[in-house]
Amino acid sequence: MRVVPAISQAAPVPSLLGLARIGFETWRLRRIAAGLARANARGDANAARRWLARVEGALADLDRAQDRFRPRRRPR
């Protein structure tokens, strides 16, 4: 007989929708990084600044998506 370990209450169970959201946000960051690399390769400082401005919003969105997996309170 196989024993399955119990999931502790302190670790939230991620939902499929939440995992998809985090996957989208990481994909978005990879696309921004690729755009920034292309702008740097061309030597286009204005385009690089625009890509860097997008990074702040993308990181904030990723942080919000990850916040859903952090426990809000400690179990007793």
PDB file of N, CA and C in Angstrom:
ATOM      1  N   MET A   1       0.844  -1.177   0.000  1.00  0.00           N
ATOM      2  CA  MET A   1       0.000   0.000   0.000  1.00  0.00           C
ATOM      3  C   MET A   1       0.887   1.236   0.000  1.00  0.00           C
ATOM      4  N   ARG A   2       0.534   2.194  -0.805  1.00  0.00           N
ATOM      5  CA  ARG A   2       1.318   3.422  -0.949  1.00  0.00           C
ATOM      6  C   ARG A   2       0.740   4.510  -0.054  1.00  0.00           C
ATOM      7  N   VAL A   3       1.624   5.181   0.674  1.00  0.00           N
ATOM      8  CA  VAL A   3       1.194   6.257   1.565  1.00  0.00           C
ATOM      9  C   VAL A   3       1.498   7.592   0.890  1.00  0.00           C
ATOM     10  N   VAL A   4       0.499   8.425   0.787  1.00  0.00           N
ATOM     11  CA  VAL A   4       0.658   9.748   0.167  1.00  0.00           C
ATOM     12  C   VAL A   4       0.826  10.761   1.289  1.00  0.00           C
ATOM     13  N   PRO A   5       1.917  11.529   1.271  1.00  0.00           N
ATOM     14  CA  PRO A   5       2.098  12.516   2.335  1.00  0.00           C
ATOM     15  C   PRO A   5       1.057  13.637   2.238  1.00  0.00           C
ATOM     16  N   ALA A   6       0.645  14.091   3.377  1.00  0.00           N
ATOM     17  CA  ALA A   6      -0.336  15.169   3.430  1.00  0.00           C
ATOM     18  C   ALA A   6       0.318  16.496   3.075  1.00  0.00           C
ATOM     19  N   ILE A   7      -0.445  17.369   2.469  1.00  0.00           N
ATOM     20  CA  ILE A   7       0.034  18.702   2.134  1.00  0.00           C
ATOM     21  C   ILE A   7      -0.126  19.575   3.373  1.00  0.00           C
ATOM     22  N   SER A   8       0.943  20.241   3.774  1.00  0.00           N
ATOM     23  CA  SER A   8       0.839  21.086   4.959  1.00  0.00           C
ATOM     24  C   SER A   8      -0.065  22.275   4.670  1.00  0.00           C
ATOM     25  N   GLN A   9      -0.675  22.787   5.694  1.00  0.00           N
ATOM     26  CA  GLN A   9      -1.587  23.913   5.517  1.00  0.00           C
ATOM     27  C   GLN A   9      -0.854  25.204   5.212  1.00  0.00           C
ATOM     28  N   ALA A  10       0.424  25.263   5.512  1.00  0.00           N
ATOM     29  CA  ALA A  10       1.176  26.493   5.269  1.00  0.00           C
ATOM     30  C   ALA A  10       1.501  26.661   3.783  1.00  0.00           C
ATOM     31  N   ALA A  11       1.469  25.579   3.013  1.00  0.00           N
ATOM     32  CA  ALA A  11       1.788  25.657   1.589  1.00  0.00           C
ATOM     33  C   ALA A  11       0.494  25.677   0.793  1.00  0.00           C
ATOM     34  N   PRO A  12       0.178  26.784   0.152  1.00  0.00           N
ATOM     35  CA  PRO A  12      -1.057  26.840  -0.627  1.00  0.00           C
ATOM     36  C   PRO A  12      -0.946  25.964  -1.872  1.00  0.00           C
ATOM     37  N   VAL A  13      -2.037  25.386  -2.259  1.00  0.00           N
ATOM     38  CA  VAL A  13      -2.066  24.550  -3.455  1.00  0.00           C
ATOM     39  C   VAL A  13      -2.368  25.450  -4.644  1.00  0.00           C
ATOM     40  N   PRO A  14      -1.463  25.515  -5.611  1.00  0.00           N
ATOM     41  CA  PRO A  14      -1.707  26.411  -6.742  1.00  0.00           C
ATOM     42  C   PRO A  14      -2.816  25.875  -7.639  1.00  0.00           C
ATOM     43  N   SER A  15      -3.606  26.765  -8.150  1.00  0.00           N
ATOM     44  CA  SER A  15      -4.661  26.371  -9.073  1.00  0.00           C
ATOM     45  C   SER A  15      -4.100  26.346 -10.490  1.00  0.00           C
ATOM     46  N   LEU A  16      -4.788  25.677 -11.352  1.00  0.00           N
ATOM     47  CA  LEU A  16      -4.367  25.607 -12.745  1.00  0.00           C
ATOM     48  C   LEU A  16      -4.404  26.987 -13.389  1.00  0.00           C
ATOM     49  N   LEU A  17      -5.414  27.755 -13.035  1.00  0.00           N
ATOM     50  CA  LEU A  17      -5.524  29.117 -13.556  1.00  0.00           C
ATOM     51  C   LEU A  17      -4.374  29.989 -13.059  1.00  0.00           C
ATOM     52  N   GLY A  18      -4.001  29.823 -11.792  1.00  0.00           N
ATOM     53  CA  GLY A  18      -2.885  30.586 -11.232  1.00  0.00           C
ATOM     54  C   GLY A  18      -1.568  30.222 -11.882  1.00  0.00           C
ATOM     55  N   LEU A  19      -1.358  28.929 -12.127  1.00  0.00           N
ATOM     56  CA  LEU A  19      -0.137  28.505 -12.807  1.00  0.00           C
ATOM     57  C   LEU A  19      -0.086  29.038 -14.236  1.00  0.00           C
ATOM     58  N   ALA A  20      -1.229  29.069 -14.897  1.00  0.00           N
ATOM     59  CA  ALA A  20      -1.273  29.626 -16.254  1.00  0.00           C
ATOM     60  C   ALA A  20      -0.947  31.111 -16.234  1.00  0.00           C
ATOM     61  N   ARG A  21      -1.440  31.801 -15.230  1.00  0.00           N
ATOM     62  CA  ARG A  21      -1.170  33.239 -15.115  1.00  0.00           C
ATOM     63  C   ARG A  21       0.320  33.511 -14.907  1.00  0.00           C
ATOM     64  N   ILE A  22       0.956  32.736 -14.035  1.00  0.00           N
ATOM     65  CA  ILE A  22       2.390  32.899 -13.797  1.00  0.00           C
ATOM     66  C   ILE A  22       3.171  32.538 -15.055  1.00  0.00           C
ATOM     67  N   GLY A  23       2.734  31.497 -15.753  1.00  0.00           N
ATOM     68  CA  GLY A  23       3.381  31.126 -17.012  1.00  0.00           C
ATOM     69  C   GLY A  23       3.293  32.237 -18.039  1.00  0.00           C
ATOM     70  N   PHE A  24       2.131  32.889 -18.121  1.00  0.00           N
ATOM     71  CA  PHE A  24       1.981  34.010 -19.055  1.00  0.00           C
ATOM     72  C   PHE A  24       2.890  35.160 -18.670  1.00  0.00           C
ATOM     73  N   GLU A  25       2.950  35.482 -17.392  1.00  0.00           N
ATOM     74  CA  GLU A  25       3.773  36.618 -16.959  1.00  0.00           C
ATOM     75  C   GLU A  25       5.263  36.349 -17.194  1.00  0.00           C
ATOM     76  N   THR A  26       5.712  35.120 -16.999  1.00  0.00           N
ATOM     77  CA  THR A  26       7.121  34.820 -17.268  1.00  0.00           C
ATOM     78  C   THR A  26       7.391  34.850 -18.767  1.00  0.00           C
ATOM     79  N   TRP A  27       6.424  34.392 -19.583  1.00  0.00           N
ATOM     80  CA  TRP A  27       6.569  34.496 -21.041  1.00  0.00           C
ATOM     81  C   TRP A  27       6.670  35.965 -21.447  1.00  0.00           C
ATOM     82  N   ARG A  28       5.857  36.799 -20.841  1.00  0.00           N
ATOM     83  CA  ARG A  28       5.880  38.238 -21.137  1.00  0.00           C
ATOM     84  C   ARG A  28       7.243  38.851 -20.803  1.00  0.00           C
ATOM     85  N   LEU A  29       7.814  38.442 -19.662  1.00  0.00           N
ATOM     86  CA  LEU A  29       9.140  38.955 -19.294  1.00  0.00           C
ATOM     87  C   LEU A  29      10.214  38.488 -20.274  1.00  0.00           C
ATOM     88  N   ARG A  30      10.101  37.247 -20.755  1.00  0.00           N
ATOM     89  CA  ARG A  30      11.071  36.760 -21.742  1.00  0.00           C
ATOM     90  C   ARG A  30      10.978  37.544 -23.037  1.00  0.00           C
ATOM     91  N   ARG A  31       9.766  37.891 -23.463  1.00  0.00           N
ATOM     92  CA  ARG A  31       9.583  38.683 -24.692  1.00  0.00           C
ATOM     93  C   ARG A  31      10.157  40.090 -24.510  1.00  0.00           C
ATOM     94  N   ILE A  32       9.959  40.672 -23.339  1.00  0.00           N
ATOM     95  CA  ILE A  32      10.507  41.999 -23.063  1.00  0.00           C
ATOM     96  C   ILE A  32      12.025  41.946 -23.064  1.00  0.00           C
ATOM     97  N   ALA A  33      12.595  40.897 -22.470  1.00  0.00           N
ATOM     98  CA  ALA A  33      14.055  40.754 -22.452  1.00  0.00           C
ATOM     99  C   ALA A  33      14.605  40.601 -23.866  1.00  0.00           C
ATOM    100  N   ALA A  34      13.886  39.872 -24.712  1.00  0.00           N
ATOM    101  CA  ALA A  34      14.329  39.713 -26.101  1.00  0.00           C
ATOM    102  C   ALA A  34      14.267  41.044 -26.843  1.00  0.00           C
ATOM    103  N   GLY A  35      13.212  41.817 -26.611  1.00  0.00           N
ATOM    104  CA  GLY A  35      13.105  43.132 -27.248  1.00  0.00           C
ATOM    105  C   GLY A  35      14.189  44.081 -26.784  1.00  0.00           C
ATOM    106  N   LEU A  36      14.503  44.014 -25.509  1.00  0.00           N
ATOM    107  CA  LEU A  36      15.576  44.851 -24.965  1.00  0.00           C
ATOM    108  C   LEU A  36      16.918  44.450 -25.568  1.00  0.00           C
ATOM    109  N   ALA A  37      17.147  43.155 -25.724  1.00  0.00           N
ATOM    110  CA  ALA A  37      18.401  42.684 -26.325  1.00  0.00           C
ATOM    111  C   ALA A  37      18.510  43.146 -27.776  1.00  0.00           C
ATOM    112  N   ARG A  38      17.402  43.098 -28.518  1.00  0.00           N
ATOM    113  CA  ARG A  38      17.428  43.569 -29.912  1.00  0.00           C
ATOM    114  C   ARG A  38      17.720  45.062 -29.974  1.00  0.00           C
ATOM    115  N   ALA A  39      17.107  45.837 -29.075  1.00  0.00           N
ATOM    116  CA  ALA A  39      17.333  47.285 -29.058  1.00  0.00           C
ATOM    117  C   ALA A  39      18.784  47.597 -28.712  1.00  0.00           C
ATOM    118  N   ASN A  40      19.353  46.857 -27.765  1.00  0.00           N
ATOM    119  CA  ASN A  40      20.758  47.067 -27.412  1.00  0.00           C
ATOM    120  C   ASN A  40      21.681  46.675 -28.550  1.00  0.00           C
ATOM    121  N   ALA A  41      21.343  45.605 -29.275  1.00  0.00           N
ATOM    122  CA  ALA A  41      22.172  45.171 -30.403  1.00  0.00           C
ATOM    123  C   ALA A  41      22.165  46.216 -31.514  1.00  0.00           C
ATOM    124  N   ARG A  42      21.029  46.875 -31.711  1.00  0.00           N
ATOM    125  CA  ARG A  42      20.946  47.933 -32.734  1.00  0.00           C
ATOM    126  C   ARG A  42      21.581  49.231 -32.258  1.00  0.00           C
ATOM    127  N   GLY A  43      21.761  49.362 -30.941  1.00  0.00           N
ATOM    128  CA  GLY A  43      22.288  50.606 -30.385  1.00  0.00           C
ATOM    129  C   GLY A  43      21.224  51.682 -30.276  1.00  0.00           C
ATOM    130  N   ASP A  44      19.971  51.281 -30.213  1.00  0.00           N
ATOM    131  CA  ASP A  44      18.842  52.210 -30.150  1.00  0.00           C
ATOM    132  C   ASP A  44      18.495  52.486 -28.686  1.00  0.00           C
ATOM    133  N   ALA A  45      18.986  53.590 -28.173  1.00  0.00           N
ATOM    134  CA  ALA A  45      18.784  53.914 -26.753  1.00  0.00           C
ATOM    135  C   ALA A  45      17.325  54.226 -26.441  1.00  0.00           C
ATOM    136  N   ASN A  46      16.615  54.888 -27.360  1.00  0.00           N
ATOM    137  CA  ASN A  46      15.208  55.221 -27.103  1.00  0.00           C
ATOM    138  C   ASN A  46      14.349  53.966 -27.005  1.00  0.00           C
ATOM    139  N   ALA A  47      14.583  53.021 -27.888  1.00  0.00           N
ATOM    140  CA  ALA A  47      13.824  51.763 -27.832  1.00  0.00           C
ATOM    141  C   ALA A  47      14.165  50.997 -26.552  1.00  0.00           C
ATOM    142  N   ALA A  48      15.427  51.019 -26.148  1.00  0.00           N
ATOM    143  CA  ALA A  48      15.826  50.328 -24.920  1.00  0.00           C
ATOM    144  C   ALA A  48      15.125  50.940 -23.712  1.00  0.00           C
ATOM    145  N   ARG A  49      15.001  52.256 -23.690  1.00  0.00           N
ATOM    146  CA  ARG A  49      14.278  52.910 -22.580  1.00  0.00           C
ATOM    147  C   ARG A  49      12.811  52.500 -22.553  1.00  0.00           C
ATOM    148  N   ARG A  50      12.195  52.383 -23.728  1.00  0.00           N
ATOM    149  CA  ARG A  50      10.791  51.969 -23.781  1.00  0.00           C
ATOM    150  C   ARG A  50      10.624  50.533 -23.279  1.00  0.00           C
ATOM    151  N   TRP A  51      11.558  49.656 -23.664  1.00  0.00           N
ATOM    152  CA  TRP A  51      11.494  48.273 -23.187  1.00  0.00           C
ATOM    153  C   TRP A  51      11.693  48.211 -21.677  1.00  0.00           C
ATOM    154  N   LEU A  52      12.598  49.020 -21.156  1.00  0.00           N
ATOM    155  CA  LEU A  52      12.827  49.030 -19.707  1.00  0.00           C
ATOM    156  C   LEU A  52      11.608  49.549 -18.953  1.00  0.00           C
ATOM    157  N   ALA A  53      10.885  50.482 -19.550  1.00  0.00           N
ATOM    158  CA  ALA A  53       9.664  50.980 -18.916  1.00  0.00           C
ATOM    159  C   ALA A  53       8.620  49.857 -18.829  1.00  0.00           C
ATOM    160  N   ARG A  54       8.600  48.968 -19.814  1.00  0.00           N
ATOM    161  CA  ARG A  54       7.653  47.849 -19.791  1.00  0.00           C
ATOM    162  C   ARG A  54       8.017  46.830 -18.715  1.00  0.00           C
ATOM    163  N   VAL A  55       9.292  46.734 -18.395  1.00  0.00           N
ATOM    164  CA  VAL A  55       9.742  45.748 -17.402  1.00  0.00           C
ATOM    165  C   VAL A  55       9.100  46.010 -16.050  1.00  0.00           C
ATOM    166  N   GLU A  56       9.009  47.258 -15.640  1.00  0.00           N
ATOM    167  CA  GLU A  56       8.438  47.578 -14.329  1.00  0.00           C
ATOM    168  C   GLU A  56       7.005  47.083 -14.202  1.00  0.00           C
ATOM    169  N   GLY A  57       6.201  47.316 -15.228  1.00  0.00           N
ATOM    170  CA  GLY A  57       4.817  46.847 -15.201  1.00  0.00           C
ATOM    171  C   GLY A  57       4.727  45.336 -15.209  1.00  0.00           C
ATOM    172  N   ALA A  58       5.572  44.694 -16.001  1.00  0.00           N
ATOM    173  CA  ALA A  58       5.553  43.231 -16.087  1.00  0.00           C
ATOM    174  C   ALA A  58       5.980  42.600 -14.767  1.00  0.00           C
ATOM    175  N   LEU A  59       6.982  43.165 -14.118  1.00  0.00           N
ATOM    176  CA  LEU A  59       7.418  42.631 -12.832  1.00  0.00           C
ATOM    177  C   LEU A  59       6.346  42.821 -11.763  1.00  0.00           C
ATOM    178  N   ALA A  60       5.654  43.947 -11.801  1.00  0.00           N
ATOM    179  CA  ALA A  60       4.569  44.181 -10.846  1.00  0.00           C
ATOM    180  C   ALA A  60       3.440  43.179 -11.064  1.00  0.00           C
ATOM    181  N   ASP A  61       3.108  42.897 -12.331  1.00  0.00           N
ATOM    182  CA  ASP A  61       2.060  41.917 -12.619  1.00  0.00           C
ATOM    183  C   ASP A  61       2.473  40.518 -12.177  1.00  0.00           C
ATOM    184  N   LEU A  62       3.743  40.164 -12.401  1.00  0.00           N
ATOM    185  CA  LEU A  62       4.235  38.857 -11.976  1.00  0.00           C
ATOM    186  C   LEU A  62       4.199  38.735 -10.459  1.00  0.00           C
ATOM    187  N   ASP A  63       4.564  39.797  -9.766  1.00  0.00           N
ATOM    188  CA  ASP A  63       4.528  39.780  -8.301  1.00  0.00           C
ATOM    189  C   ASP A  63       3.100  39.605  -7.793  1.00  0.00           C
ATOM    190  N   ARG A  64       2.138  40.276  -8.436  1.00  0.00           N
ATOM    191  CA  ARG A  64       0.732  40.116  -8.044  1.00  0.00           C
ATOM    192  C   ARG A  64       0.254  38.687  -8.289  1.00  0.00           C
ATOM    193  N   ALA A  65       0.693  38.088  -9.397  1.00  0.00           N
ATOM    194  CA  ALA A  65       0.287  36.710  -9.687  1.00  0.00           C
ATOM    195  C   ALA A  65       0.885  35.755  -8.663  1.00  0.00           C
ATOM    196  N   GLN A  66       2.112  36.012  -8.231  1.00  0.00           N
ATOM    197  CA  GLN A  66       2.748  35.141  -7.244  1.00  0.00           C
ATOM    198  C   GLN A  66       2.195  35.360  -5.847  1.00  0.00           C
ATOM    199  N   ASP A  67       1.677  36.544  -5.570  1.00  0.00           N
ATOM    200  CA  ASP A  67       1.106  36.822  -4.247  1.00  0.00           C
ATOM    201  C   ASP A  67      -0.055  35.892  -3.924  1.00  0.00           C
ATOM    202  N   ARG A  68      -0.732  35.413  -4.942  1.00  0.00           N
ATOM    203  CA  ARG A  68      -1.881  34.536  -4.700  1.00  0.00           C
ATOM    204  C   ARG A  68      -1.457  33.202  -4.128  1.00  0.00           C
ATOM    205  N   PHE A  69      -0.181  32.839  -4.288  1.00  0.00           N
ATOM    206  CA  PHE A  69       0.297  31.563  -3.777  1.00  0.00           C
ATOM    207  C   PHE A  69       0.902  31.678  -2.395  1.00  0.00           C
ATOM    208  N   ARG A  70       1.132  32.870  -1.906  1.00  0.00           N
ATOM    209  CA  ARG A  70       1.693  33.047  -0.574  1.00  0.00           C
ATOM    210  C   ARG A  70       0.578  32.964   0.459  1.00  0.00           C
ATOM    211  N   PRO A  71       0.805  32.278   1.555  1.00  0.00           N
ATOM    212  CA  PRO A  71      -0.261  32.191   2.561  1.00  0.00           C
ATOM    213  C   PRO A  71      -0.536  33.561   3.179  1.00  0.00           C
ATOM    214  N   ARG A  72      -1.794  33.841   3.380  1.00  0.00           N
ATOM    215  CA  ARG A  72      -2.186  35.133   3.953  1.00  0.00           C
ATOM    216  C   ARG A  72      -2.036  35.157   5.476  1.00  0.00           C
ATOM    217  N   ARG A  73      -2.207  34.013   6.104  1.00  0.00           N
ATOM    218  CA  ARG A  73      -2.057  33.939   7.558  1.00  0.00           C
ATOM    219  C   ARG A  73      -1.444  32.596   7.909  1.00  0.00           C
ATOM    220  N   ARG A  74      -0.897  32.527   9.075  1.00  0.00           N
ATOM    221  CA  ARG A  74      -0.276  31.305   9.556  1.00  0.00           C
ATOM    222  C   ARG A  74      -1.336  30.390  10.146  1.00  0.00           C
ATOM    223  N   PRO A  75      -1.279  29.088   9.850  1.00  0.00           N
ATOM    224  CA  PRO A  75      -2.243  28.177  10.489  1.00  0.00           C
ATOM    225  C   PRO A  75      -1.872  27.980  11.958  1.00  0.00           C
ATOM    226  N   ARG A  76      -2.850  27.607  12.748  1.00  0.00           N
ATOM    227  CA  ARG A  76      -2.603  27.419  14.182  1.00  0.00           C
ATOM    228  C   ARG A  76      -1.890  26.141  14.451  1.00  0.00           C
TER     229      ARG A  76
END
